[in-house]
């Protein structure tokens, strides 16, 4: 899996198209991690180590319990849990970008419709 690039407030997508491109890229990365890079993903979610400090504080926080539940669940159930939480996190990041980008109401509506088409 590729390393997660750093995310700064200055690099926050500012248009509906930029937000959708960011969302699509993150979604494609998660799909790849959940389908092709499963062993690496499983290994990166360490239930002993504290969460990584690489996630910028201005972004919505991912679910922390995924790491801790890993060893107490079947692998299939754990992957399902990760997929559900990842989907919710993607939407939170997209709407965060829309709010920070100060999109107007009609642009936010377009943003929501575009992202619902990818499911």
C-alpha atoms as a PDB file:
ATOM      1  CA  UNK A   1       0.000   0.000   0.000  1.00  0.00           C
ATOM      2  CA  UNK A   2       1.202   3.480  -0.724  1.00  0.00           C
ATOM      3  CA  UNK A   3       1.965   5.812   2.157  1.00  0.00           C
ATOM      4  CA  UNK A   4      -0.729   8.313   3.043  1.00  0.00           C
ATOM      5  CA  UNK A   5       0.253  11.766   1.851  1.00  0.00           C
ATOM      6  CA  UNK A   6       0.234  14.604   4.324  1.00  0.00           C
ATOM      7  CA  UNK A   7      -2.896  16.734   4.334  1.00  0.00           C
ATOM      8  CA  UNK A   8      -2.707  20.400   5.173  1.00  0.00           C
ATOM      9  CA  UNK A   9      -5.440  22.967   5.458  1.00  0.00           C
ATOM     10  CA  UNK A  10      -3.806  24.859   2.588  1.00  0.00           C
ATOM     11  CA  UNK A  11      -4.150  21.704   0.460  1.00  0.00           C
ATOM     12  CA  UNK A  12      -7.854  21.287   1.216  1.00  0.00           C
ATOM     13  CA  UNK A  13      -9.853  20.833  -1.996  1.00  0.00           C
ATOM     14  CA  UNK A  14     -11.785  24.033  -2.706  1.00  0.00           C
ATOM     15  CA  UNK A  15     -14.191  23.157  -5.533  1.00  0.00           C
ATOM     16  CA  UNK A  16     -16.799  20.454  -5.937  1.00  0.00           C
ATOM     17  CA  UNK A  17     -14.635  18.836  -8.598  1.00  0.00           C
ATOM     18  CA  UNK A  18     -11.550  18.909  -6.333  1.00  0.00           C
ATOM     19  CA  UNK A  19     -13.501  17.427  -3.426  1.00  0.00           C
ATOM     20  CA  UNK A  20     -14.900  14.696  -5.648  1.00  0.00           C
ATOM     21  CA  UNK A  21     -11.421  13.912  -7.022  1.00  0.00           C
ATOM     22  CA  UNK A  22     -10.038  13.726  -3.470  1.00  0.00           C
ATOM     23  CA  UNK A  23     -12.952  11.527  -2.351  1.00  0.00           C
ATOM     24  CA  UNK A  24     -12.570   9.222  -5.356  1.00  0.00           C
ATOM     25  CA  UNK A  25      -8.836   8.834  -4.793  1.00  0.00           C
ATOM     26  CA  UNK A  26      -9.268   8.017  -1.109  1.00  0.00           C
ATOM     27  CA  UNK A  27     -12.129   5.629  -1.912  1.00  0.00           C
ATOM     28  CA  UNK A  28     -10.104   3.825  -4.578  1.00  0.00           C
ATOM     29  CA  UNK A  29      -7.213   3.477  -2.129  1.00  0.00           C
ATOM     30  CA  UNK A  30      -9.491   2.004   0.526  1.00  0.00           C
ATOM     31  CA  UNK A  31     -11.080  -0.402  -1.946  1.00  0.00           C
ATOM     32  CA  UNK A  32      -7.631  -1.576  -2.994  1.00  0.00           C
ATOM     33  CA  UNK A  33      -6.571  -1.989   0.641  1.00  0.00           C
ATOM     34  CA  UNK A  34      -9.715  -3.978   1.447  1.00  0.00           C
ATOM     35  CA  UNK A  35      -9.504  -6.211  -1.623  1.00  0.00           C
ATOM     36  CA  UNK A  36      -5.897  -6.579  -2.790  1.00  0.00           C
ATOM     37  CA  UNK A  37      -3.698  -5.460   0.110  1.00  0.00           C
ATOM     38  CA  UNK A  38      -5.672  -7.170   2.874  1.00  0.00           C
ATOM     39  CA  UNK A  39      -2.685  -8.804   4.579  1.00  0.00           C
ATOM     40  CA  UNK A  40      -0.772  -5.530   4.688  1.00  0.00           C
ATOM     41  CA  UNK A  41      -3.837  -3.649   5.950  1.00  0.00           C
ATOM     42  CA  UNK A  42      -4.394  -6.273   8.635  1.00  0.00           C
ATOM     43  CA  UNK A  43      -0.774  -5.946   9.721  1.00  0.00           C
ATOM     44  CA  UNK A  44      -0.868  -2.138   9.830  1.00  0.00           C
ATOM     45  CA  UNK A  45      -3.832  -2.147  12.215  1.00  0.00           C
ATOM     46  CA  UNK A  46      -1.857  -2.959  15.344  1.00  0.00           C
ATOM     47  CA  UNK A  47      -4.053  -3.395  18.430  1.00  0.00           C
ATOM     48  CA  UNK A  48      -1.082  -2.763  20.755  1.00  0.00           C
ATOM     49  CA  UNK A  49       0.365   0.441  19.335  1.00  0.00           C
ATOM     50  CA  UNK A  50      -1.380   3.784  19.821  1.00  0.00           C
ATOM     51  CA  UNK A  51      -2.918   5.388  16.722  1.00  0.00           C
ATOM     52  CA  UNK A  52      -0.589   7.129  14.323  1.00  0.00           C
ATOM     53  CA  UNK A  53       0.017  10.819  14.790  1.00  0.00           C
ATOM     54  CA  UNK A  54       0.161  11.340  10.999  1.00  0.00           C
ATOM     55  CA  UNK A  55      -3.529  12.206  10.703  1.00  0.00           C
ATOM     56  CA  UNK A  56      -3.771  16.007  10.874  1.00  0.00           C
ATOM     57  CA  UNK A  57      -5.920  17.250  13.755  1.00  0.00           C
ATOM     58  CA  UNK A  58      -8.144  19.323  11.455  1.00  0.00           C
ATOM     59  CA  UNK A  59      -9.453  16.229   9.632  1.00  0.00           C
ATOM     60  CA  UNK A  60     -12.332  14.157  11.033  1.00  0.00           C
ATOM     61  CA  UNK A  61     -10.843  11.422  13.185  1.00  0.00           C
ATOM     62  CA  UNK A  62     -11.023   7.826  11.923  1.00  0.00           C
ATOM     63  CA  UNK A  63     -12.567   5.203  14.186  1.00  0.00           C
ATOM     64  CA  UNK A  64      -9.996   4.060  16.718  1.00  0.00           C
ATOM     65  CA  UNK A  65     -11.752   0.847  17.792  1.00  0.00           C
ATOM     66  CA  UNK A  66     -10.950  -0.923  14.527  1.00  0.00           C
ATOM     67  CA  UNK A  67      -7.428  -1.681  15.728  1.00  0.00           C
ATOM     68  CA  UNK A  68      -8.571  -3.057  19.053  1.00  0.00           C
ATOM     69  CA  UNK A  69     -11.317  -5.269  17.616  1.00  0.00           C
ATOM     70  CA  UNK A  70      -9.010  -6.896  15.059  1.00  0.00           C
ATOM     71  CA  UNK A  71      -7.860  -9.894  17.089  1.00  0.00           C
ATOM     72  CA  UNK A  72     -11.201 -10.606  18.755  1.00  0.00           C
ATOM     73  CA  UNK A  73     -13.181 -10.952  15.487  1.00  0.00           C
ATOM     74  CA  UNK A  74     -13.094 -13.187  12.473  1.00  0.00           C
ATOM     75  CA  UNK A  75     -11.053 -11.653   9.666  1.00  0.00           C
ATOM     76  CA  UNK A  76     -14.122 -11.383   7.421  1.00  0.00           C
ATOM     77  CA  UNK A  77     -16.156  -9.583  10.101  1.00  0.00           C
ATOM     78  CA  UNK A  78     -13.227  -7.275  10.862  1.00  0.00           C
ATOM     79  CA  UNK A  79     -12.891  -6.342   7.181  1.00  0.00           C
ATOM     80  CA  UNK A  80     -16.623  -5.607   7.048  1.00  0.00           C
ATOM     81  CA  UNK A  81     -16.270  -3.350  10.114  1.00  0.00           C
ATOM     82  CA  UNK A  82     -13.314  -1.546   8.542  1.00  0.00           C
ATOM     83  CA  UNK A  83     -15.242  -1.058   5.283  1.00  0.00           C
ATOM     84  CA  UNK A  84     -18.263   0.423   7.068  1.00  0.00           C
ATOM     85  CA  UNK A  85     -16.185   2.790   9.181  1.00  0.00           C
ATOM     86  CA  UNK A  86     -14.035   3.763   6.187  1.00  0.00           C
ATOM     87  CA  UNK A  87     -17.116   4.667   4.166  1.00  0.00           C
ATOM     88  CA  UNK A  88     -18.390   6.890   6.970  1.00  0.00           C
ATOM     89  CA  UNK A  89     -14.961   8.487   7.358  1.00  0.00           C
ATOM     90  CA  UNK A  90     -14.762   9.238   3.619  1.00  0.00           C
ATOM     91  CA  UNK A  91     -18.069  11.083   3.738  1.00  0.00           C
ATOM     92  CA  UNK A  92     -16.970  13.015   6.856  1.00  0.00           C
ATOM     93  CA  UNK A  93     -13.742  14.099   5.123  1.00  0.00           C
ATOM     94  CA  UNK A  94     -15.642  15.179   1.999  1.00  0.00           C
ATOM     95  CA  UNK A  95     -18.121  17.274   3.969  1.00  0.00           C
ATOM     96  CA  UNK A  96     -15.277  18.677   6.069  1.00  0.00           C
ATOM     97  CA  UNK A  97     -13.576  19.801   2.840  1.00  0.00           C
ATOM     98  CA  UNK A  98     -16.825  21.366   1.646  1.00  0.00           C
ATOM     99  CA  UNK A  99     -17.213  23.278   4.899  1.00  0.00           C
ATOM    100  CA  UNK A 100     -13.591  24.424   5.002  1.00  0.00           C
ATOM    101  CA  UNK A 101     -13.725  25.305   1.326  1.00  0.00           C
ATOM    102  CA  UNK A 102     -16.762  27.412   2.137  1.00  0.00           C
ATOM    103  CA  UNK A 103     -18.806  26.020  -0.711  1.00  0.00           C
ATOM    104  CA  UNK A 104     -22.205  27.585  -1.024  1.00  0.00           C
ATOM    105  CA  UNK A 105     -25.361  25.529  -0.448  1.00  0.00           C
ATOM    106  CA  UNK A 106     -25.862  24.609  -4.108  1.00  0.00           C
ATOM    107  CA  UNK A 107     -22.234  23.482  -4.457  1.00  0.00           C
ATOM    108  CA  UNK A 108     -22.570  21.314  -1.317  1.00  0.00           C
ATOM    109  CA  UNK A 109     -25.726  19.723  -2.763  1.00  0.00           C
ATOM    110  CA  UNK A 110     -23.854  18.885  -5.979  1.00  0.00           C
ATOM    111  CA  UNK A 111     -21.006  17.486  -3.869  1.00  0.00           C
ATOM    112  CA  UNK A 112     -23.373  15.161  -1.980  1.00  0.00           C
ATOM    113  CA  UNK A 113     -25.061  13.952  -5.180  1.00  0.00           C
ATOM    114  CA  UNK A 114     -21.732  13.258  -6.911  1.00  0.00           C
ATOM    115  CA  UNK A 115     -20.453  11.176  -4.015  1.00  0.00           C
ATOM    116  CA  UNK A 116     -23.659   9.179  -3.709  1.00  0.00           C
ATOM    117  CA  UNK A 117     -23.218   8.104  -7.363  1.00  0.00           C
ATOM    118  CA  UNK A 118     -19.973   6.257  -6.523  1.00  0.00           C
ATOM    119  CA  UNK A 119     -21.620   3.698  -4.235  1.00  0.00           C
END
